[in-house]
Amino acid sequence: MNNTYRQPDWADGQITRMSGLVEDTCKHGVGHPNQDWLEHHPDKPHLSTHGCDGCCAGDTMKNGDSSSGDNLLMGTLHFYDRVDMNIAARSMDWALSMWELNNELRGKVKYGEESEDYINGVQWARNQLHEQLEEHGVSLEDIV
């Protein structure tokens, strides 16, 4: 458990994702981004998106959780094996990894002081990343 950030009264626990995001877990086992953590990391607003299916949107969600607003999207996912569940549960971590990789490659191209061949290779890799994302029907813009 991470005791650095205040845990709301409704939360059963707290977890820290590989991205560093601290989430408060509700009685349903859903991770909700910790509001104190988000305030301490204003450069990472994209991490406030989470997979709540609306189960907690009632009176149990207080203390400033933004998931209980009018723009709440609801859905149910069913998993028949652990691999599928892990992929879905960790999809934001995967998306953020791709976001960070893209930004790293972009920075190398934009600010790189390397040779032209090196810069061209980095740009090729970035183009490949975007082609793969497009081929799979996703975009880095999906997580903004």
Protein backbone atom coordinates (compact mmCIF):
# COMPACT_ATOMS: atom_id res chain seq x y z
CA MET A 1 0.00 0.00 0.00
CA ASN A 2 1.21 3.49 -0.81
CA ASN A 3 0.75 5.82 2.18
CA THR A 4 2.17 8.90 0.47
CA TYR A 5 -1.19 9.97 -0.99
CA ARG A 6 -4.44 10.35 0.96
CA GLN A 7 -6.75 7.38 0.50
CA PRO A 8 -10.47 8.35 0.31
CA ASP A 9 -12.88 6.86 2.85
CA TRP A 10 -14.58 4.75 0.18
CA ALA A 11 -11.35 3.07 -0.96
CA ASP A 12 -10.53 -0.47 0.14
CA GLY A 13 -6.88 -0.14 -0.83
CA GLN A 14 -4.28 1.54 -3.00
CA ILE A 15 -2.04 0.26 -5.78
CA THR A 16 0.78 1.80 -7.77
CA ARG A 17 0.88 1.08 -11.51
CA MET A 18 4.10 0.61 -13.48
CA SER A 19 3.50 4.11 -14.86
CA GLY A 20 3.81 5.45 -11.31
CA LEU A 21 0.09 6.24 -11.09
CA VAL A 22 -1.39 5.64 -7.64
CA GLU A 23 -4.93 4.27 -7.78
CA ASP A 24 -7.50 3.86 -5.01
CA THR A 25 -9.31 0.54 -5.31
CA CYS A 26 -13.04 0.40 -4.64
CA LYS A 27 -14.98 -2.50 -3.13
CA HIS A 28 -15.37 -3.89 -6.68
CA GLY A 29 -11.61 -4.07 -7.21
CA VAL A 30 -11.59 -1.20 -9.72
CA GLY A 31 -8.65 1.20 -9.61
CA HIS A 32 -9.57 4.91 -9.57
CA PRO A 33 -6.75 7.46 -10.04
CA ASN A 34 -5.86 9.02 -6.70
CA GLN A 35 -6.77 12.71 -6.76
CA ASP A 36 -3.81 13.75 -4.59
CA TRP A 37 -1.42 11.95 -6.95
CA LEU A 38 -2.99 13.66 -9.98
CA GLU A 39 -2.63 17.06 -8.29
CA HIS A 40 1.06 16.34 -7.65
CA HIS A 41 1.54 15.31 -11.32
CA PRO A 42 -0.22 18.00 -13.40
CA ASP A 43 1.93 16.99 -16.37
CA LYS A 44 0.14 13.62 -16.56
CA PRO A 45 -3.59 14.39 -16.92
CA HIS A 46 -3.95 11.49 -19.37
CA LEU A 47 -3.51 9.08 -16.45
CA SER A 48 -6.84 10.16 -14.96
CA THR A 49 -8.70 7.95 -17.45
CA HIS A 50 -9.69 4.63 -15.93
CA GLY A 51 -11.84 1.59 -16.54
CA CYS A 52 -14.65 2.08 -14.04
CA ASP A 53 -17.86 0.61 -15.41
CA GLY A 54 -20.02 2.92 -13.33
CA CYS A 55 -20.39 0.52 -10.41
CA CYS A 56 -19.16 3.21 -8.03
CA ALA A 57 -20.87 6.27 -9.49
CA GLY A 58 -23.43 6.44 -6.71
CA ASP A 59 -23.07 7.78 -3.20
CA THR A 60 -19.97 5.67 -2.46
CA MET A 61 -17.75 7.90 -4.64
CA LYS A 62 -17.06 11.12 -2.77
CA ASN A 63 -13.90 13.08 -2.01
CA GLY A 64 -13.60 14.60 -5.47
CA ASP A 65 -13.54 11.53 -7.72
CA SER A 66 -14.27 12.77 -11.23
CA SER A 67 -15.63 9.42 -12.42
CA SER A 68 -19.06 10.17 -10.96
CA GLY A 69 -19.79 13.02 -13.44
CA ASP A 70 -22.29 13.23 -16.23
CA ASN A 71 -19.78 12.04 -18.86
CA LEU A 72 -19.41 8.58 -17.32
CA LEU A 73 -19.20 5.78 -19.87
CA MET A 74 -20.36 2.37 -18.73
CA GLY A 75 -19.70 -1.09 -20.00
CA THR A 76 -18.98 -4.62 -18.89
CA LEU A 77 -16.07 -6.77 -19.95
CA HIS A 78 -16.05 -10.56 -19.57
CA PHE A 79 -12.82 -12.51 -19.50
CA TYR A 80 -12.43 -16.20 -20.02
CA ASP A 81 -8.73 -16.46 -19.29
CA ARG A 82 -6.11 -14.58 -17.29
CA VAL A 83 -4.15 -13.44 -20.36
CA ASP A 84 -7.15 -11.60 -21.85
CA MET A 85 -7.93 -10.04 -18.47
CA ASN A 86 -4.32 -8.90 -17.98
CA ILE A 87 -4.22 -7.37 -21.45
CA ALA A 88 -7.40 -5.38 -20.79
CA ALA A 89 -6.44 -4.40 -17.25
CA ARG A 90 -2.98 -3.25 -18.32
CA SER A 91 -4.03 -1.62 -21.60
CA MET A 92 -3.47 1.91 -20.25
CA ASP A 93 0.07 0.96 -19.20
CA TRP A 94 0.69 -0.35 -22.72
CA ALA A 95 -0.79 2.78 -24.28
CA LEU A 96 1.28 5.06 -22.07
CA SER A 97 4.42 3.10 -22.92
CA MET A 98 3.74 3.68 -26.62
CA TRP A 99 3.03 7.36 -25.90
CA GLU A 100 6.34 7.74 -24.08
CA LEU A 101 8.25 5.82 -26.79
CA ASN A 102 6.75 8.07 -29.46
CA ASN A 103 7.71 11.19 -27.50
CA GLU A 104 11.25 9.91 -26.98
CA LEU A 105 11.65 9.20 -30.70
CA ARG A 106 10.09 12.56 -31.58
CA GLY A 107 12.57 14.31 -29.31
CA LYS A 108 15.50 12.49 -30.92
CA VAL A 109 14.34 13.63 -34.36
CA LYS A 110 13.44 17.18 -33.36
CA TYR A 111 16.36 17.99 -31.06
CA GLY A 112 18.87 15.30 -31.97
CA GLU A 113 22.43 16.29 -32.60
CA GLU A 114 23.28 12.94 -34.13
CA SER A 115 24.16 12.14 -37.71
CA GLU A 116 21.58 12.42 -40.47
CA ASP A 117 21.58 8.62 -40.86
CA TYR A 118 20.83 8.22 -37.14
CA ILE A 119 17.99 10.76 -37.30
CA ASN A 120 16.58 9.04 -40.40
CA GLY A 121 16.68 5.69 -38.57
CA VAL A 122 14.87 7.11 -35.57
CA GLN A 123 12.24 8.68 -37.85
CA TRP A 124 11.82 5.33 -39.61
CA ALA A 125 11.22 3.65 -36.23
CA ARG A 126 8.66 6.31 -35.29
CA ASN A 127 6.89 5.85 -38.63
CA GLN A 128 6.82 2.08 -38.04
CA LEU A 129 5.29 2.61 -34.61
CA HIS A 130 2.51 4.74 -36.10
CA GLU A 131 1.92 2.29 -38.95
CA GLN A 132 1.55 -0.60 -36.47
CA LEU A 133 -0.84 1.39 -34.32
CA GLU A 134 -2.90 2.33 -37.37
CA GLU A 135 -2.89 -1.27 -38.62
CA HIS A 136 -4.36 -2.35 -35.28
CA GLY A 137 -6.98 0.40 -35.34
CA VAL A 138 -5.59 2.49 -32.49
CA SER A 139 -3.97 5.87 -32.21
CA LEU A 140 -1.99 7.66 -29.55
CA GLU A 141 -4.69 10.32 -29.78
CA ASP A 142 -7.10 7.75 -28.27
CA ILE A 143 -5.56 8.32 -24.84
CA VAL A 144 -5.53 12.12 -24.83
